[in-house]
């Protein structure tokens, strides 16, 4: 499963991670965990955020979770401990996972 995670608001530039969250978002950085659940709530994959790229008013990270099995009608994606976001199966297959956090 591939997609993007956009953090808006409090971010800082970093030479290693590109950009990352700060303050209450300091857990959002290169390597932050990404967990994927199927429609029954079972964990079906784990991955991480890639290197952040500065974007207007925030930071955008690539999401990569390999070997997520097909067959679920929808999936839920959780970055760090920030709650689950529902993604339709067709969007997950197409790499159209988009998650946003912040103001």
PDB file of N, CA and C in Angstrom:
ATOM      1  N   UNK A   1       0.851  -1.160   0.000  1.00  0.00           N
ATOM      2  CA  UNK A   1       0.000   0.000   0.000  1.00  0.00           C
ATOM      3  C   UNK A   1       0.900   1.227   0.000  1.00  0.00           C
ATOM      4  N   UNK A   2       0.563   2.162  -0.858  1.00  0.00           N
ATOM      5  CA  UNK A   2       1.347   3.394  -0.949  1.00  0.00           C
ATOM      6  C   UNK A   2       0.409   4.591  -0.927  1.00  0.00           C
ATOM      7  N   UNK A   3       0.949   5.703  -0.491  1.00  0.00           N
ATOM      8  CA  UNK A   3       0.173   6.924  -0.457  1.00  0.00           C
ATOM      9  C   UNK A   3       0.977   8.043   0.156  1.00  0.00           C
ATOM     10  N   UNK A   4       0.267   9.053   0.657  1.00  0.00           N
ATOM     11  CA  UNK A   4       0.935  10.199   1.270  1.00  0.00           C
ATOM     12  C   UNK A   4       0.275  10.557   2.596  1.00  0.00           C
ATOM     13  N   UNK A   5       1.090  11.120   3.460  1.00  0.00           N
ATOM     14  CA  UNK A   5       0.642  11.628   4.749  1.00  0.00           C
ATOM     15  C   UNK A   5       1.049  13.086   4.800  1.00  0.00           C
ATOM     16  N   UNK A   6       0.080  13.971   4.995  1.00  0.00           N
ATOM     17  CA  UNK A   6       0.360  15.404   5.038  1.00  0.00           C
ATOM     18  C   UNK A   6       0.156  15.927   6.451  1.00  0.00           C
ATOM     19  N   UNK A   7       1.199  16.542   6.983  1.00  0.00           N
ATOM     20  CA  UNK A   7       1.138  17.185   8.291  1.00  0.00           C
ATOM     21  C   UNK A   7       1.108  18.682   8.068  1.00  0.00           C
ATOM     22  N   UNK A   8       0.079  19.344   8.580  1.00  0.00           N
ATOM     23  CA  UNK A   8      -0.005  20.794   8.457  1.00  0.00           C
ATOM     24  C   UNK A   8       0.173  21.427   9.828  1.00  0.00           C
ATOM     25  N   UNK A   9       0.696  22.623   9.835  1.00  0.00           N
ATOM     26  CA  UNK A   9       0.879  23.320  11.106  1.00  0.00           C
ATOM     27  C   UNK A   9       2.318  23.315  11.550  1.00  0.00           C
ATOM     28  N   UNK A  10       2.561  22.797  12.733  1.00  0.00           N
ATOM     29  CA  UNK A  10       3.852  22.906  13.385  1.00  0.00           C
ATOM     30  C   UNK A  10       4.850  21.890  12.837  1.00  0.00           C
ATOM     31  N   UNK A  11       5.721  22.343  11.932  1.00  0.00           N
ATOM     32  CA  UNK A  11       6.762  21.483  11.371  1.00  0.00           C
ATOM     33  C   UNK A  11       8.095  22.221  11.404  1.00  0.00           C
ATOM     34  N   UNK A  12       9.171  21.461  11.384  1.00  0.00           N
ATOM     35  CA  UNK A  12      10.517  22.031  11.319  1.00  0.00           C
ATOM     36  C   UNK A  12      11.293  21.315  10.223  1.00  0.00           C
ATOM     37  N   UNK A  13      12.263  22.024   9.647  1.00  0.00           N
ATOM     38  CA  UNK A  13      13.148  21.432   8.649  1.00  0.00           C
ATOM     39  C   UNK A  13      14.260  20.676   9.359  1.00  0.00           C
ATOM     40  N   UNK A  14      14.666  19.547   8.790  1.00  0.00           N
ATOM     41  CA  UNK A  14      15.736  18.738   9.367  1.00  0.00           C
ATOM     42  C   UNK A  14      16.591  18.196   8.222  1.00  0.00           C
ATOM     43  N   UNK A  15      17.927  18.282   8.324  1.00  0.00           N
ATOM     44  CA  UNK A  15      18.772  17.827   7.216  1.00  0.00           C
ATOM     45  C   UNK A  15      18.677  16.324   6.941  1.00  0.00           C
ATOM     46  N   UNK A  16      18.331  15.528   7.932  1.00  0.00           N
ATOM     47  CA  UNK A  16      18.238  14.075   7.747  1.00  0.00           C
ATOM     48  C   UNK A  16      16.842  13.658   7.313  1.00  0.00           C
ATOM     49  N   UNK A  17      15.827  14.093   8.058  1.00  0.00           N
ATOM     50  CA  UNK A  17      14.455  13.641   7.786  1.00  0.00           C
ATOM     51  C   UNK A  17      13.721  14.524   6.791  1.00  0.00           C
ATOM     52  N   UNK A  18      14.321  15.623   6.348  1.00  0.00           N
ATOM     53  CA  UNK A  18      13.675  16.539   5.414  1.00  0.00           C
ATOM     54  C   UNK A  18      12.849  17.558   6.156  1.00  0.00           C
ATOM     55  N   UNK A  19      11.781  17.130   6.742  1.00  0.00           N
ATOM     56  CA  UNK A  19      10.985  17.946   7.650  1.00  0.00           C
ATOM     57  C   UNK A  19      10.258  16.985   8.575  1.00  0.00           C
ATOM     58  N   UNK A  20       9.806  17.494   9.679  1.00  0.00           N
ATOM     59  CA  UNK A  20       9.154  16.644  10.680  1.00  0.00           C
ATOM     60  C   UNK A  20       8.260  17.491  11.550  1.00  0.00           C
ATOM     61  N   UNK A  21       7.391  16.831  12.292  1.00  0.00           N
ATOM     62  CA  UNK A  21       6.512  17.533  13.205  1.00  0.00           C
ATOM     63  C   UNK A  21       7.275  18.039  14.413  1.00  0.00           C
ATOM     64  N   UNK A  22       6.721  19.071  15.042  1.00  0.00           N
ATOM     65  CA  UNK A  22       7.305  19.575  16.286  1.00  0.00           C
ATOM     66  C   UNK A  22       6.179  19.822  17.278  1.00  0.00           C
ATOM     67  N   UNK A  23       6.550  20.114  18.524  1.00  0.00           N
ATOM     68  CA  UNK A  23       5.539  20.324  19.558  1.00  0.00           C
ATOM     69  C   UNK A  23       4.698  19.071  19.727  1.00  0.00           C
ATOM     70  N   UNK A  24       3.399  19.227  19.653  1.00  0.00           N
ATOM     71  CA  UNK A  24       2.480  18.106  19.810  1.00  0.00           C
ATOM     72  C   UNK A  24       2.525  17.093  18.681  1.00  0.00           C
ATOM     73  N   UNK A  25       3.245  17.406  17.611  1.00  0.00           N
ATOM     74  CA  UNK A  25       3.373  16.502  16.464  1.00  0.00           C
ATOM     75  C   UNK A  25       4.783  15.931  16.338  1.00  0.00           C
ATOM     76  N   UNK A  26       5.562  15.966  17.406  1.00  0.00           N
ATOM     77  CA  UNK A  26       6.968  15.544  17.325  1.00  0.00           C
ATOM     78  C   UNK A  26       7.134  14.048  17.037  1.00  0.00           C
ATOM     79  N   UNK A  27       6.057  13.277  17.122  1.00  0.00           N
ATOM     80  CA  UNK A  27       6.134  11.850  16.782  1.00  0.00           C
ATOM     81  C   UNK A  27       6.066  11.603  15.278  1.00  0.00           C
ATOM     82  N   UNK A  28       5.812  12.643  14.499  1.00  0.00           N
ATOM     83  CA  UNK A  28       5.675  12.491  13.052  1.00  0.00           C
ATOM     84  C   UNK A  28       7.000  12.862  12.390  1.00  0.00           C
ATOM     85  N   UNK A  29       7.706  11.850  11.898  1.00  0.00           N
ATOM     86  CA  UNK A  29       9.025  12.046  11.302  1.00  0.00           C
ATOM     87  C   UNK A  29       9.372  10.846  10.421  1.00  0.00           C
ATOM     88  N   UNK A  30      10.509  10.886   9.784  1.00  0.00           N
ATOM     89  CA  UNK A  30      11.011   9.757   9.011  1.00  0.00           C
ATOM     90  C   UNK A  30      10.995   8.500   9.875  1.00  0.00           C
ATOM     91  N   UNK A  31      10.372   7.426   9.382  1.00  0.00           N
ATOM     92  CA  UNK A  31      10.357   6.158  10.103  1.00  0.00           C
ATOM     93  C   UNK A  31       9.188   5.942  11.038  1.00  0.00           C
ATOM     94  N   UNK A  32       8.317   6.936  11.209  1.00  0.00           N
ATOM     95  CA  UNK A  32       7.141   6.763  12.072  1.00  0.00           C
ATOM     96  C   UNK A  32       6.305   5.584  11.575  1.00  0.00           C
ATOM     97  N   UNK A  33       5.779   4.807  12.506  1.00  0.00           N
ATOM     98  CA  UNK A  33       5.039   3.593  12.154  1.00  0.00           C
ATOM     99  C   UNK A  33       3.715   3.892  11.459  1.00  0.00           C
ATOM    100  N   UNK A  34       3.386   3.024  10.516  1.00  0.00           N
ATOM    101  CA  UNK A  34       2.101   3.037   9.820  1.00  0.00           C
ATOM    102  C   UNK A  34       1.535   1.624   9.932  1.00  0.00           C
ATOM    103  N   UNK A  35       0.306   1.512  10.438  1.00  0.00           N
ATOM    104  CA  UNK A  35      -0.336   0.209  10.612  1.00  0.00           C
ATOM    105  C   UNK A  35      -1.582   0.158   9.744  1.00  0.00           C
ATOM    106  N   UNK A  36      -1.778  -0.958   9.050  1.00  0.00           N
ATOM    107  CA  UNK A  36      -2.948  -1.145   8.193  1.00  0.00           C
ATOM    108  C   UNK A  36      -3.795  -2.275   8.769  1.00  0.00           C
ATOM    109  N   UNK A  37      -5.106  -2.020   8.875  1.00  0.00           N
ATOM    110  CA  UNK A  37      -6.086  -2.983   9.380  1.00  0.00           C
ATOM    111  C   UNK A  37      -7.057  -3.316   8.254  1.00  0.00           C
ATOM    112  N   UNK A  38      -7.569  -4.545   8.239  1.00  0.00           N
ATOM    113  CA  UNK A  38      -8.603  -4.890   7.266  1.00  0.00           C
ATOM    114  C   UNK A  38      -9.980  -4.551   7.841  1.00  0.00           C
ATOM    115  N   UNK A  39     -11.034  -4.907   7.108  1.00  0.00           N
ATOM    116  CA  UNK A  39     -12.396  -4.551   7.514  1.00  0.00           C
ATOM    117  C   UNK A  39     -12.805  -5.168   8.844  1.00  0.00           C
ATOM    118  N   UNK A  40     -12.174  -6.269   9.239  1.00  0.00           N
ATOM    119  CA  UNK A  40     -12.509  -6.897  10.524  1.00  0.00           C
ATOM    120  C   UNK A  40     -11.680  -6.351  11.684  1.00  0.00           C
ATOM    121  N   UNK A  41     -10.764  -5.420  11.390  1.00  0.00           N
ATOM    122  CA  UNK A  41      -9.943  -4.827  12.444  1.00  0.00           C
ATOM    123  C   UNK A  41      -8.647  -5.559  12.720  1.00  0.00           C
ATOM    124  N   UNK A  42      -8.328  -6.542  11.886  1.00  0.00           N
ATOM    125  CA  UNK A  42      -7.093  -7.309  12.036  1.00  0.00           C
ATOM    126  C   UNK A  42      -5.931  -6.560  11.382  1.00  0.00           C
ATOM    127  N   UNK A  43      -4.789  -6.520  12.050  1.00  0.00           N
ATOM    128  CA  UNK A  43      -3.598  -5.906  11.453  1.00  0.00           C
ATOM    129  C   UNK A  43      -3.152  -6.764  10.273  1.00  0.00           C
ATOM    130  N   UNK A  44      -3.052  -6.146   9.090  1.00  0.00           N
ATOM    131  CA  UNK A  44      -2.641  -6.876   7.890  1.00  0.00           C
ATOM    132  C   UNK A  44      -1.340  -6.349   7.301  1.00  0.00           C
ATOM    133  N   UNK A  45      -0.784  -5.303   7.900  1.00  0.00           N
ATOM    134  CA  UNK A  45       0.489  -4.792   7.412  1.00  0.00           C
ATOM    135  C   UNK A  45       1.015  -3.684   8.290  1.00  0.00           C
ATOM    136  N   UNK A  46       2.336  -3.580   8.319  1.00  0.00           N
ATOM    137  CA  UNK A  46       2.986  -2.476   9.020  1.00  0.00           C
ATOM    138  C   UNK A  46       4.070  -1.914   8.119  1.00  0.00           C
ATOM    139  N   UNK A  47       4.277  -0.629   8.239  1.00  0.00           N
ATOM    140  CA  UNK A  47       5.285   0.046   7.437  1.00  0.00           C
ATOM    141  C   UNK A  47       5.728   1.308   8.143  1.00  0.00           C
ATOM    142  N   UNK A  48       6.111   2.295   7.350  1.00  0.00           N
ATOM    143  CA  UNK A  48       6.657   3.514   7.939  1.00  0.00           C
ATOM    144  C   UNK A  48       6.477   4.702   6.998  1.00  0.00           C
ATOM    145  N   UNK A  49       6.661   5.875   7.566  1.00  0.00           N
ATOM    146  CA  UNK A  49       6.705   7.090   6.763  1.00  0.00           C
ATOM    147  C   UNK A  49       8.106   7.238   6.190  1.00  0.00           C
ATOM    148  N   UNK A  50       8.175   7.696   4.953  1.00  0.00           N
ATOM    149  CA  UNK A  50       9.457   8.003   4.333  1.00  0.00           C
ATOM    150  C   UNK A  50       9.899   9.416   4.682  1.00  0.00           C
ATOM    151  N   UNK A  51      10.911   9.897   3.995  1.00  0.00           N
ATOM    152  CA  UNK A  51      11.488  11.223   4.236  1.00  0.00           C
ATOM    153  C   UNK A  51      10.483  12.309   3.878  1.00  0.00           C
ATOM    154  N   UNK A  52      10.282  13.241   4.803  1.00  0.00           N
ATOM    155  CA  UNK A  52       9.338  14.322   4.593  1.00  0.00           C
ATOM    156  C   UNK A  52       9.847  15.364   3.617  1.00  0.00           C
ATOM    157  N   UNK A  53       8.923  15.933   2.846  1.00  0.00           N
ATOM    158  CA  UNK A  53       9.228  17.024   1.922  1.00  0.00           C
ATOM    159  C   UNK A  53       8.427  18.240   2.334  1.00  0.00           C
ATOM    160  N   UNK A  54       9.104  19.369   2.433  1.00  0.00           N
ATOM    161  CA  UNK A  54       8.415  20.599   2.812  1.00  0.00           C
ATOM    162  C   UNK A  54       7.364  20.942   1.764  1.00  0.00           C
ATOM    163  N   UNK A  55       6.193  21.279   2.244  1.00  0.00           N
ATOM    164  CA  UNK A  55       5.096  21.719   1.392  1.00  0.00           C
ATOM    165  C   UNK A  55       4.551  22.997   2.015  1.00  0.00           C
ATOM    166  N   UNK A  56       3.814  23.761   1.256  1.00  0.00           N
ATOM    167  CA  UNK A  56       3.289  25.020   1.778  1.00  0.00           C
ATOM    168  C   UNK A  56       2.488  24.774   3.049  1.00  0.00           C
ATOM    169  N   UNK A  57       2.976  25.318   4.158  1.00  0.00           N
ATOM    170  CA  UNK A  57       2.271  25.191   5.426  1.00  0.00           C
ATOM    171  C   UNK A  57       2.408  23.851   6.108  1.00  0.00           C
ATOM    172  N   UNK A  58       3.320  23.000   5.625  1.00  0.00           N
ATOM    173  CA  UNK A  58       3.432  21.696   6.265  1.00  0.00           C
ATOM    174  C   UNK A  58       4.515  20.830   5.681  1.00  0.00           C
ATOM    175  N   UNK A  59       4.295  19.535   5.791  1.00  0.00           N
ATOM    176  CA  UNK A  59       5.278  18.538   5.394  1.00  0.00           C
ATOM    177  C   UNK A  59       4.525  17.326   4.838  1.00  0.00           C
ATOM    178  N   UNK A  60       4.990  16.782   3.722  1.00  0.00           N
ATOM    179  CA  UNK A  60       4.362  15.619   3.110  1.00  0.00           C
ATOM    180  C   UNK A  60       5.327  14.437   3.158  1.00  0.00           C
ATOM    181  N   UNK A  61       4.828  13.296   3.631  1.00  0.00           N
ATOM    182  CA  UNK A  61       5.623  12.080   3.773  1.00  0.00           C
ATOM    183  C   UNK A  61       5.045  10.987   2.886  1.00  0.00           C
ATOM    184  N   UNK A  62       5.888  10.201   2.215  1.00  0.00           N
ATOM    185  CA  UNK A  62       5.365   9.023   1.525  1.00  0.00           C
ATOM    186  C   UNK A  62       5.045   7.925   2.535  1.00  0.00           C
ATOM    187  N   UNK A  63       3.956   7.202   2.281  1.00  0.00           N
ATOM    188  CA  UNK A  63       3.570   6.042   3.088  1.00  0.00           C
ATOM    189  C   UNK A  63       3.908   4.790   2.288  1.00  0.00           C
ATOM    190  N   UNK A  64       4.574   3.841   2.929  1.00  0.00           N
ATOM    191  CA  UNK A  64       4.862   2.556   2.300  1.00  0.00           C
ATOM    192  C   UNK A  64       4.560   1.434   3.281  1.00  0.00           C
ATOM    193  N   UNK A  65       3.630   0.560   2.900  1.00  0.00           N
ATOM    194  CA  UNK A  65       3.336  -0.654   3.663  1.00  0.00           C
ATOM    195  C   UNK A  65       3.290  -1.784   2.638  1.00  0.00           C
ATOM    196  N   UNK A  66       4.277  -2.662   2.689  1.00  0.00           N
ATOM    197  CA  UNK A  66       4.387  -3.730   1.697  1.00  0.00           C
ATOM    198  C   UNK A  66       3.552  -4.949   2.072  1.00  0.00           C
ATOM    199  N   UNK A  67       3.159  -5.700   1.046  1.00  0.00           N
ATOM    200  CA  UNK A  67       2.501  -7.006   1.196  1.00  0.00           C
ATOM    201  C   UNK A  67       1.162  -6.965   1.924  1.00  0.00           C
ATOM    202  N   UNK A  68       0.385  -5.907   1.711  1.00  0.00           N
ATOM    203  CA  UNK A  68      -0.972  -5.869   2.268  1.00  0.00           C
ATOM    204  C   UNK A  68      -1.839  -6.789   1.406  1.00  0.00           C
ATOM    205  N   UNK A  69      -2.469  -7.795   2.008  1.00  0.00           N
ATOM    206  CA  UNK A  69      -3.274  -8.724   1.209  1.00  0.00           C
ATOM    207  C   UNK A  69      -4.544  -8.060   0.684  1.00  0.00           C
ATOM    208  N   UNK A  70      -4.976  -8.484  -0.487  1.00  0.00           N
ATOM    209  CA  UNK A  70      -6.231  -8.002  -1.040  1.00  0.00           C
ATOM    210  C   UNK A  70      -7.403  -8.723  -0.392  1.00  0.00           C
ATOM    211  N   UNK A  71      -8.601  -8.386  -0.854  1.00  0.00           N
ATOM    212  CA  UNK A  71      -9.778  -9.114  -0.409  1.00  0.00           C
ATOM    213  C   UNK A  71     -10.621  -8.410   0.632  1.00  0.00           C
ATOM    214  N   UNK A  72     -10.132  -7.331   1.202  1.00  0.00           N
ATOM    215  CA  UNK A  72     -10.926  -6.588   2.180  1.00  0.00           C
ATOM    216  C   UNK A  72     -11.748  -5.529   1.448  1.00  0.00           C
ATOM    217  N   UNK A  73     -12.960  -5.265   1.914  1.00  0.00           N
ATOM    218  CA  UNK A  73     -13.800  -4.249   1.273  1.00  0.00           C
ATOM    219  C   UNK A  73     -13.287  -2.841   1.541  1.00  0.00           C
ATOM    220  N   UNK A  74     -12.576  -2.674   2.656  1.00  0.00           N
ATOM    221  CA  UNK A  74     -11.918  -1.405   2.965  1.00  0.00           C
ATOM    222  C   UNK A  74     -10.779  -1.690   3.932  1.00  0.00           C
ATOM    223  N   UNK A  75      -9.942  -0.693   4.109  1.00  0.00           N
ATOM    224  CA  UNK A  75      -8.818  -0.793   5.043  1.00  0.00           C
ATOM    225  C   UNK A  75      -8.838   0.427   5.946  1.00  0.00           C
ATOM    226  N   UNK A  76      -8.165   0.315   7.064  1.00  0.00           N
ATOM    227  CA  UNK A  76      -7.959   1.468   7.929  1.00  0.00           C
ATOM    228  C   UNK A  76      -6.463   1.646   8.103  1.00  0.00           C
ATOM    229  N   UNK A  77      -6.025   2.898   8.011  1.00  0.00           N
ATOM    230  CA  UNK A  77      -4.610   3.237   8.108  1.00  0.00           C
ATOM    231  C   UNK A  77      -4.418   4.103   9.341  1.00  0.00           C
ATOM    232  N   UNK A  78      -3.421   3.747  10.158  1.00  0.00           N
ATOM    233  CA  UNK A  78      -3.108   4.529  11.354  1.00  0.00           C
ATOM    234  C   UNK A  78      -1.633   4.908  11.329  1.00  0.00           C
ATOM    235  N   UNK A  79      -1.360   6.204  11.435  1.00  0.00           N
ATOM    236  CA  UNK A  79       0.005   6.715  11.511  1.00  0.00           C
ATOM    237  C   UNK A  79       0.294   7.032  12.968  1.00  0.00           C
ATOM    238  N   UNK A  80       1.368   6.450  13.501  1.00  0.00           N
ATOM    239  CA  UNK A  80       1.728   6.585  14.914  1.00  0.00           C
ATOM    240  C   UNK A  80       0.541   6.107  15.746  1.00  0.00           C
ATOM    241  N   UNK A  81       0.068   6.909  16.648  1.00  0.00           N
ATOM    242  CA  UNK A  81      -1.081   6.581  17.508  1.00  0.00           C
ATOM    243  C   UNK A  81      -2.234   7.538  17.225  1.00  0.00           C
ATOM    244  N   UNK A  82      -2.279   8.069  16.016  1.00  0.00           N
ATOM    245  CA  UNK A  82      -3.156   9.191  15.689  1.00  0.00           C
ATOM    246  C   UNK A  82      -4.564   8.822  15.250  1.00  0.00           C
ATOM    247  N   UNK A  83      -4.951   7.579  15.388  1.00  0.00           N
ATOM    248  CA  UNK A  83      -6.305   7.179  15.001  1.00  0.00           C
ATOM    249  C   UNK A  83      -6.344   6.629  13.587  1.00  0.00           C
ATOM    250  N   UNK A  84      -7.362   5.851  13.331  1.00  0.00           N
ATOM    251  CA  UNK A  84      -7.500   5.162  12.047  1.00  0.00           C
ATOM    252  C   UNK A  84      -8.304   5.989  11.051  1.00  0.00           C
ATOM    253  N   UNK A  85      -7.850   5.960   9.800  1.00  0.00           N
ATOM    254  CA  UNK A  85      -8.541   6.599   8.687  1.00  0.00           C
ATOM    255  C   UNK A  85      -8.974   5.492   7.729  1.00  0.00           C
ATOM    256  N   UNK A  86     -10.236   5.499   7.321  1.00  0.00           N
ATOM    257  CA  UNK A  86     -10.754   4.471   6.416  1.00  0.00           C
ATOM    258  C   UNK A  86     -10.395   4.794   4.971  1.00  0.00           C
ATOM    259  N   UNK A  87      -9.934   3.764   4.263  1.00  0.00           N
ATOM    260  CA  UNK A  87      -9.545   3.874   2.856  1.00  0.00           C
ATOM    261  C   UNK A  87     -10.287   2.785   2.086  1.00  0.00           C
ATOM    262  N   UNK A  88     -10.939   3.159   1.008  1.00  0.00           N
ATOM    263  CA  UNK A  88     -11.632   2.168   0.189  1.00  0.00           C
ATOM    264  C   UNK A  88     -10.615   1.260  -0.499  1.00  0.00           C
ATOM    265  N   UNK A  89     -10.979   0.009  -0.707  1.00  0.00           N
ATOM    266  CA  UNK A  89     -10.060  -0.978  -1.280  1.00  0.00           C
ATOM    267  C   UNK A  89      -9.524  -0.534  -2.638  1.00  0.00           C
ATOM    268  N   UNK A  90     -10.377   0.030  -3.484  1.00  0.00           N
ATOM    269  CA  UNK A  90      -9.929   0.470  -4.816  1.00  0.00           C
ATOM    270  C   UNK A  90      -8.865   1.558  -4.702  1.00  0.00           C
ATOM    271  N   UNK A  91      -9.036   2.483  -3.768  1.00  0.00           N
ATOM    272  CA  UNK A  91      -8.037   3.537  -3.568  1.00  0.00           C
ATOM    273  C   UNK A  91      -6.729   2.955  -3.040  1.00  0.00           C
ATOM    274  N   UNK A  92      -6.833   1.987  -2.144  1.00  0.00           N
ATOM    275  CA  UNK A  92      -5.634   1.341  -1.600  1.00  0.00           C
ATOM    276  C   UNK A  92      -4.855   0.642  -2.712  1.00  0.00           C
ATOM    277  N   UNK A  93      -5.559  -0.074  -3.593  1.00  0.00           N
ATOM    278  CA  UNK A  93      -4.897  -0.775  -4.699  1.00  0.00           C
ATOM    279  C   UNK A  93      -4.241   0.199  -5.665  1.00  0.00           C
ATOM    280  N   UNK A  94      -4.851   1.367  -5.848  1.00  0.00           N
ATOM    281  CA  UNK A  94      -4.350   2.348  -6.813  1.00  0.00           C
ATOM    282  C   UNK A  94      -3.269   3.262  -6.243  1.00  0.00           C
ATOM    283  N   UNK A  95      -2.919   3.094  -4.975  1.00  0.00           N
ATOM    284  CA  UNK A  95      -1.904   3.961  -4.369  1.00  0.00           C
ATOM    285  C   UNK A  95      -2.423   5.345  -4.048  1.00  0.00           C
ATOM    286  N   UNK A  96      -3.730   5.452  -3.841  1.00  0.00           N
ATOM    287  CA  UNK A  96      -4.361   6.747  -3.590  1.00  0.00           C
ATOM    288  C   UNK A  96      -4.684   6.967  -2.119  1.00  0.00           C
ATOM    289  N   UNK A  97      -3.883   6.403  -1.242  1.00  0.00           N
ATOM    290  CA  UNK A  97      -4.090   6.596   0.189  1.00  0.00           C
ATOM    291  C   UNK A  97      -3.614   7.998   0.543  1.00  0.00           C
ATOM    292  N   UNK A  98      -4.494   8.786   1.127  1.00  0.00           N
ATOM    293  CA  UNK A  98      -4.139  10.141   1.532  1.00  0.00           C
ATOM    294  C   UNK A  98      -4.617  10.405   2.945  1.00  0.00           C
ATOM    295  N   UNK A  99      -3.686  10.738   3.821  1.00  0.00           N
ATOM    296  CA  UNK A  99      -3.995  10.992   5.227  1.00  0.00           C
ATOM    297  C   UNK A  99      -3.479  12.378   5.570  1.00  0.00           C
ATOM    298  N   UNK A 100      -4.279  13.155   6.306  1.00  0.00           N
ATOM    299  CA  UNK A 100      -3.892  14.505   6.706  1.00  0.00           C
ATOM    300  C   UNK A 100      -4.068  14.663   8.204  1.00  0.00           C
ATOM    301  N   UNK A 101      -3.132  15.377   8.816  1.00  0.00           N
ATOM    302  CA  UNK A 101      -3.184  15.661  10.245  1.00  0.00           C
ATOM    303  C   UNK A 101      -2.753  17.096  10.465  1.00  0.00           C
ATOM    304  N   UNK A 102      -3.404  17.788  11.364  1.00  0.00           N
ATOM    305  CA  UNK A 102      -3.012  19.153  11.712  1.00  0.00           C
ATOM    306  C   UNK A 102      -4.162  20.114  11.567  1.00  0.00           C
ATOM    307  N   UNK A 103      -3.800  21.376  11.543  1.00  0.00           N
ATOM    308  CA  UNK A 103      -4.820  22.422  11.493  1.00  0.00           C
ATOM    309  C   UNK A 103      -5.554  22.457  10.197  1.00  0.00           C
TER     310      UNK A 103
END
